[in-house]
Structure formats: structure tokens, C-alpha cells
């Protein structure tokens, strides 16, 4: 089999690949310069410079309407960028950025934890409103009753549901 036959086909589309590549590259540059022990504001200040050097249009500390929520960066009006300096990323951080995506109706967010030894940017996609369920409700995937996940539940609730 030759290499042309090995091409993978998929129905999934990566959102804004060039833009997210550029943003992630800027994040790696910042992480390489400051290491993993700086403060979030120091990372944001340097990242603002790096994003500007790439010629990207951005808003820093972007307010989401009158909700009081503030996103670290909105880049090219397409990608929300949320910066963290945490020992580990908890569900709360993922919920926070999902909330920001829902409020702004932006489809893609990048969650960056600069405290990671090796930077691992997380791509977060906005969940469509008809997929969001309340606590303890199951979301079926692919119509298969054997492959279900819980929305907005913590580990104790998941454990109870499997007993």
C-alpha cells in the first residue's frame, strides 16, 4: 500500500487551524521565556506582546456582556484564550471556559496552563445548546445506550450512578 492510500478520512473539522497554531506557538514562546513559575499577569503581558508581533487582532480582558465575566483574550473574534497558573486543571476550569464560550457564542477556546512542566494547550469546543443538560442527566452519544456520559456531574455523582 502506498502513502497516498494511507490518508485518513474523517468527518471532523478542526476549527481555525492556522490561527490556533499561531496562538499556541506564541504560548510556547512565552512558556520557554518565563518558565513555569511566573505569575498569570506576567504570562499575559508577554503573550500580548507575542500575539501582537504575529499581527493578530485581539482584545485583552474581554468583558462578556454585563455578566461580570472577563476572558483573558479574544483573538480575531474567533478564539477565546484563557490562561491559568494552576498545579492542575480541574473541572471548574473547563466549566468556566465552556460558560464563556456559551455566553460569547464563540466556537473555540484554548485553555493554557503555564504551570505545566511541558505546555499542553487544551482545545475546548462550545457545546451546542441542545446538548447541554442539567445535573445527573445523561447525554447519549451516537444513539448508543451503552456509550453515555454525564453532563455537569462530579466524581461522586458518577460513582453513585454506576453502583
C-alpha atoms as a PDB file:
ATOM      1  CA  UNK A   1       0.000   0.000   0.000  1.00  0.00           C
ATOM      2  CA  UNK A   2       1.473   3.374  -0.960  1.00  0.00           C
ATOM      3  CA  UNK A   3       1.386   6.565   1.123  1.00  0.00           C
ATOM      4  CA  UNK A   4      -1.485   8.095  -0.841  1.00  0.00           C
ATOM      5  CA  UNK A   5      -3.774   5.272   0.277  1.00  0.00           C
ATOM      6  CA  UNK A   6      -2.883   5.855   3.922  1.00  0.00           C
ATOM      7  CA  UNK A   7      -4.594   9.236   4.062  1.00  0.00           C
ATOM      8  CA  UNK A   8      -7.057   9.291   6.961  1.00  0.00           C
ATOM      9  CA  UNK A   9     -10.552  10.456   6.190  1.00  0.00           C
ATOM     10  CA  UNK A  10     -12.692  11.998   8.859  1.00  0.00           C
ATOM     11  CA  UNK A  11     -15.881  13.984   9.152  1.00  0.00           C
ATOM     12  CA  UNK A  12     -14.424  16.086  11.941  1.00  0.00           C
ATOM     13  CA  UNK A  13     -13.240  19.553  11.049  1.00  0.00           C
ATOM     14  CA  UNK A  14     -10.575  21.365  13.025  1.00  0.00           C
ATOM     15  CA  UNK A  15     -11.661  24.911  13.752  1.00  0.00           C
ATOM     16  CA  UNK A  16      -9.272  27.685  12.798  1.00  0.00           C
ATOM     17  CA  UNK A  17      -6.143  25.520  12.452  1.00  0.00           C
ATOM     18  CA  UNK A  18      -3.778  28.284  11.282  1.00  0.00           C
ATOM     19  CA  UNK A  19      -4.984  30.802  13.845  1.00  0.00           C
ATOM     20  CA  UNK A  20      -4.869  28.353  16.748  1.00  0.00           C
ATOM     21  CA  UNK A  21      -1.403  27.168  15.599  1.00  0.00           C
ATOM     22  CA  UNK A  22      -0.171  30.767  15.711  1.00  0.00           C
ATOM     23  CA  UNK A  23      -1.673  31.388  19.165  1.00  0.00           C
ATOM     24  CA  UNK A  24      -0.290  28.137  20.569  1.00  0.00           C
ATOM     25  CA  UNK A  25       3.120  28.991  19.086  1.00  0.00           C
ATOM     26  CA  UNK A  26       3.029  32.310  20.939  1.00  0.00           C
ATOM     27  CA  UNK A  27       2.124  30.443  24.144  1.00  0.00           C
ATOM     28  CA  UNK A  28       5.092  28.096  23.712  1.00  0.00           C
ATOM     29  CA  UNK A  29       7.384  31.105  23.160  1.00  0.00           C
ATOM     30  CA  UNK A  30       6.094  32.672  26.393  1.00  0.00           C
ATOM     31  CA  UNK A  31       6.474  29.407  28.328  1.00  0.00           C
ATOM     32  CA  UNK A  32      10.023  28.969  27.019  1.00  0.00           C
ATOM     33  CA  UNK A  33      10.950  32.520  28.068  1.00  0.00           C
ATOM     34  CA  UNK A  34       9.315  32.660  31.508  1.00  0.00           C
ATOM     35  CA  UNK A  35       9.327  29.017  32.556  1.00  0.00           C
ATOM     36  CA  UNK A  36       6.542  27.616  34.705  1.00  0.00           C
ATOM     37  CA  UNK A  37       6.811  29.656  37.891  1.00  0.00           C
ATOM     38  CA  UNK A  38       5.783  33.174  36.810  1.00  0.00           C
ATOM     39  CA  UNK A  39       2.504  34.858  37.681  1.00  0.00           C
ATOM     40  CA  UNK A  40      -0.503  34.789  35.374  1.00  0.00           C
ATOM     41  CA  UNK A  41      -0.215  38.540  34.694  1.00  0.00           C
ATOM     42  CA  UNK A  42       3.422  38.132  33.600  1.00  0.00           C
ATOM     43  CA  UNK A  43       2.402  35.427  31.136  1.00  0.00           C
ATOM     44  CA  UNK A  44      -0.478  37.564  29.861  1.00  0.00           C
ATOM     45  CA  UNK A  45       1.743  40.631  29.421  1.00  0.00           C
ATOM     46  CA  UNK A  46       4.332  38.735  27.400  1.00  0.00           C
ATOM     47  CA  UNK A  47       1.672  36.812  25.472  1.00  0.00           C
ATOM     48  CA  UNK A  48       0.027  40.092  24.500  1.00  0.00           C
ATOM     49  CA  UNK A  49       3.351  41.189  23.019  1.00  0.00           C
ATOM     50  CA  UNK A  50       3.834  37.871  21.174  1.00  0.00           C
ATOM     51  CA  UNK A  51       0.293  37.894  19.748  1.00  0.00           C
ATOM     52  CA  UNK A  52       0.797  41.489  18.604  1.00  0.00           C
ATOM     53  CA  UNK A  53       4.128  40.571  16.978  1.00  0.00           C
ATOM     54  CA  UNK A  54       2.252  37.952  14.922  1.00  0.00           C
ATOM     55  CA  UNK A  55      -0.086  40.643  13.621  1.00  0.00           C
ATOM     56  CA  UNK A  56      -3.165  39.110  15.209  1.00  0.00           C
ATOM     57  CA  UNK A  57      -6.110  41.265  16.238  1.00  0.00           C
ATOM     58  CA  UNK A  58      -7.021  40.683  19.884  1.00  0.00           C
ATOM     59  CA  UNK A  59      -8.781  42.096  22.912  1.00  0.00           C
ATOM     60  CA  UNK A  60      -7.301  41.546  26.330  1.00  0.00           C
ATOM     61  CA  UNK A  61      -9.532  41.101  29.379  1.00  0.00           C
ATOM     62  CA  UNK A  62     -12.591  40.950  27.174  1.00  0.00           C
ATOM     63  CA  UNK A  63     -15.869  41.517  29.073  1.00  0.00           C
ATOM     64  CA  UNK A  64     -18.716  39.151  28.277  1.00  0.00           C
ATOM     65  CA  UNK A  65     -21.715  41.453  28.228  1.00  0.00           C
ATOM     66  CA  UNK A  66     -22.924  42.508  31.654  1.00  0.00           C
ATOM     67  CA  UNK A  67     -22.294  39.104  33.256  1.00  0.00           C
ATOM     68  CA  UNK A  68     -19.160  40.309  35.018  1.00  0.00           C
ATOM     69  CA  UNK A  69     -17.131  37.534  33.361  1.00  0.00           C
ATOM     70  CA  UNK A  70     -13.824  38.517  31.805  1.00  0.00           C
ATOM     71  CA  UNK A  71     -11.915  36.359  29.326  1.00  0.00           C
ATOM     72  CA  UNK A  72      -8.138  36.766  29.241  1.00  0.00           C
ATOM     73  CA  UNK A  73      -8.012  37.189  25.441  1.00  0.00           C
ATOM     74  CA  UNK A  74     -10.362  37.179  22.473  1.00  0.00           C
ATOM     75  CA  UNK A  75      -8.263  36.653  19.347  1.00  0.00           C
ATOM     76  CA  UNK A  76      -9.504  37.621  15.882  1.00  0.00           C
ATOM     77  CA  UNK A  77     -13.060  37.484  17.280  1.00  0.00           C
ATOM     78  CA  UNK A  78     -12.837  33.688  16.812  1.00  0.00           C
ATOM     79  CA  UNK A  79     -10.922  32.126  19.713  1.00  0.00           C
ATOM     80  CA  UNK A  80     -11.203  32.675  23.457  1.00  0.00           C
ATOM     81  CA  UNK A  81      -7.912  32.270  25.269  1.00  0.00           C
ATOM     82  CA  UNK A  82      -7.993  31.541  28.994  1.00  0.00           C
ATOM     83  CA  UNK A  83      -4.696  31.474  30.900  1.00  0.00           C
ATOM     84  CA  UNK A  84      -4.050  29.626  34.143  1.00  0.00           C
ATOM     85  CA  UNK A  85      -1.166  29.066  36.535  1.00  0.00           C
ATOM     86  CA  UNK A  86      -2.514  26.119  38.450  1.00  0.00           C
ATOM     87  CA  UNK A  87      -0.928  22.974  39.787  1.00  0.00           C
ATOM     88  CA  UNK A  88      -3.539  21.044  37.806  1.00  0.00           C
ATOM     89  CA  UNK A  89      -6.598  21.905  35.765  1.00  0.00           C
ATOM     90  CA  UNK A  90      -9.819  20.928  37.495  1.00  0.00           C
ATOM     91  CA  UNK A  91     -13.306  20.524  36.051  1.00  0.00           C
ATOM     92  CA  UNK A  92     -14.081  24.026  37.245  1.00  0.00           C
ATOM     93  CA  UNK A  93     -11.628  25.485  34.726  1.00  0.00           C
ATOM     94  CA  UNK A  94     -13.216  23.516  31.893  1.00  0.00           C
ATOM     95  CA  UNK A  95     -16.685  24.582  33.039  1.00  0.00           C
ATOM     96  CA  UNK A  96     -15.541  28.184  33.235  1.00  0.00           C
ATOM     97  CA  UNK A  97     -14.307  28.291  29.660  1.00  0.00           C
ATOM     98  CA  UNK A  98     -17.390  26.399  28.433  1.00  0.00           C
ATOM     99  CA  UNK A  99     -19.516  29.026  30.181  1.00  0.00           C
ATOM    100  CA  UNK A 100     -17.511  31.770  28.430  1.00  0.00           C
ATOM    101  CA  UNK A 101     -17.974  30.021  25.079  1.00  0.00           C
ATOM    102  CA  UNK A 102     -21.731  29.758  25.655  1.00  0.00           C
ATOM    103  CA  UNK A 103     -22.060  33.424  26.666  1.00  0.00           C
ATOM    104  CA  UNK A 104     -19.971  34.717  23.764  1.00  0.00           C
ATOM    105  CA  UNK A 105     -21.235  32.193  21.191  1.00  0.00           C
ATOM    106  CA  UNK A 106     -17.603  31.650  20.162  1.00  0.00           C
ATOM    107  CA  UNK A 107     -16.984  28.074  18.997  1.00  0.00           C
ATOM    108  CA  UNK A 108     -13.381  27.539  20.156  1.00  0.00           C
ATOM    109  CA  UNK A 109     -11.499  28.241  23.344  1.00  0.00           C
ATOM    110  CA  UNK A 110      -7.903  27.498  24.276  1.00  0.00           C
ATOM    111  CA  UNK A 111      -7.141  26.711  27.905  1.00  0.00           C
ATOM    112  CA  UNK A 112      -3.458  27.217  28.684  1.00  0.00           C
ATOM    113  CA  UNK A 113      -1.883  26.212  32.000  1.00  0.00           C
ATOM    114  CA  UNK A 114       1.548  27.805  32.132  1.00  0.00           C
ATOM    115  CA  UNK A 115       2.419  25.877  35.305  1.00  0.00           C
ATOM    116  CA  UNK A 116       2.695  22.638  33.321  1.00  0.00           C
ATOM    117  CA  UNK A 117       6.254  21.376  33.025  1.00  0.00           C
ATOM    118  CA  UNK A 118       5.527  20.713  29.365  1.00  0.00           C
ATOM    119  CA  UNK A 119       2.920  23.093  27.955  1.00  0.00           C
ATOM    120  CA  UNK A 120      -0.219  21.230  26.823  1.00  0.00           C
ATOM    121  CA  UNK A 121      -2.787  23.613  25.346  1.00  0.00           C
ATOM    122  CA  UNK A 122      -6.352  22.310  25.591  1.00  0.00           C
ATOM    123  CA  UNK A 123      -8.801  22.994  22.749  1.00  0.00           C
ATOM    124  CA  UNK A 124     -12.321  23.408  24.111  1.00  0.00           C
ATOM    125  CA  UNK A 125     -15.244  23.377  21.694  1.00  0.00           C
ATOM    126  CA  UNK A 126     -18.507  25.107  22.521  1.00  0.00           C
ATOM    127  CA  UNK A 127     -21.175  22.527  23.224  1.00  0.00           C
ATOM    128  CA  UNK A 128     -24.263  23.201  21.154  1.00  0.00           C
ATOM    129  CA  UNK A 129     -27.155  24.392  23.345  1.00  0.00           C
ATOM    130  CA  UNK A 130     -29.318  21.343  22.582  1.00  0.00           C
ATOM    131  CA  UNK A 131     -26.581  19.065  24.003  1.00  0.00           C
ATOM    132  CA  UNK A 132     -26.402  20.848  27.376  1.00  0.00           C
ATOM    133  CA  UNK A 133     -28.330  19.016  30.080  1.00  0.00           C
ATOM    134  CA  UNK A 134     -28.893  19.592  33.765  1.00  0.00           C
ATOM    135  CA  UNK A 135     -27.081  17.745  36.580  1.00  0.00           C
ATOM    136  CA  UNK A 136     -27.478  13.961  36.665  1.00  0.00           C
ATOM    137  CA  UNK A 137     -28.924  13.813  33.152  1.00  0.00           C
ATOM    138  CA  UNK A 138     -27.346  11.586  30.586  1.00  0.00           C
ATOM    139  CA  UNK A 139     -26.287  12.669  27.155  1.00  0.00           C
ATOM    140  CA  UNK A 140     -26.454   9.885  24.616  1.00  0.00           C
ATOM    141  CA  UNK A 141     -23.657   9.719  22.079  1.00  0.00           C
ATOM    142  CA  UNK A 142     -24.328   8.251  18.645  1.00  0.00           C
ATOM    143  CA  UNK A 143     -27.694   6.978  19.864  1.00  0.00           C
ATOM    144  CA  UNK A 144     -25.939   4.070  21.568  1.00  0.00           C
ATOM    145  CA  UNK A 145     -27.331   3.439  25.045  1.00  0.00           C
ATOM    146  CA  UNK A 146     -24.068   1.733  26.026  1.00  0.00           C
ATOM    147  CA  UNK A 147     -21.970   4.849  25.378  1.00  0.00           C
ATOM    148  CA  UNK A 148     -23.361   7.578  27.593  1.00  0.00           C
ATOM    149  CA  UNK A 149     -21.697  10.277  29.635  1.00  0.00           C
ATOM    150  CA  UNK A 150     -22.864  12.526  32.422  1.00  0.00           C
ATOM    151  CA  UNK A 151     -23.058  16.276  31.976  1.00  0.00           C
ATOM    152  CA  UNK A 152     -22.208  18.658  34.811  1.00  0.00           C
ATOM    153  CA  UNK A 153     -21.603  15.948  37.379  1.00  0.00           C
ATOM    154  CA  UNK A 154     -18.759  15.425  39.796  1.00  0.00           C
ATOM    155  CA  UNK A 155     -16.983  12.140  40.534  1.00  0.00           C
ATOM    156  CA  UNK A 156     -19.184  11.222  43.497  1.00  0.00           C
ATOM    157  CA  UNK A 157     -22.304  11.520  41.351  1.00  0.00           C
ATOM    158  CA  UNK A 158     -20.723   9.387  38.641  1.00  0.00           C
ATOM    159  CA  UNK A 159     -19.743   6.714  41.170  1.00  0.00           C
ATOM    160  CA  UNK A 160     -23.282   6.610  42.582  1.00  0.00           C
ATOM    161  CA  UNK A 161     -24.774   6.211  39.133  1.00  0.00           C
ATOM    162  CA  UNK A 162     -22.668   3.111  38.425  1.00  0.00           C
ATOM    163  CA  UNK A 163     -23.497   1.303  41.665  1.00  0.00           C
END
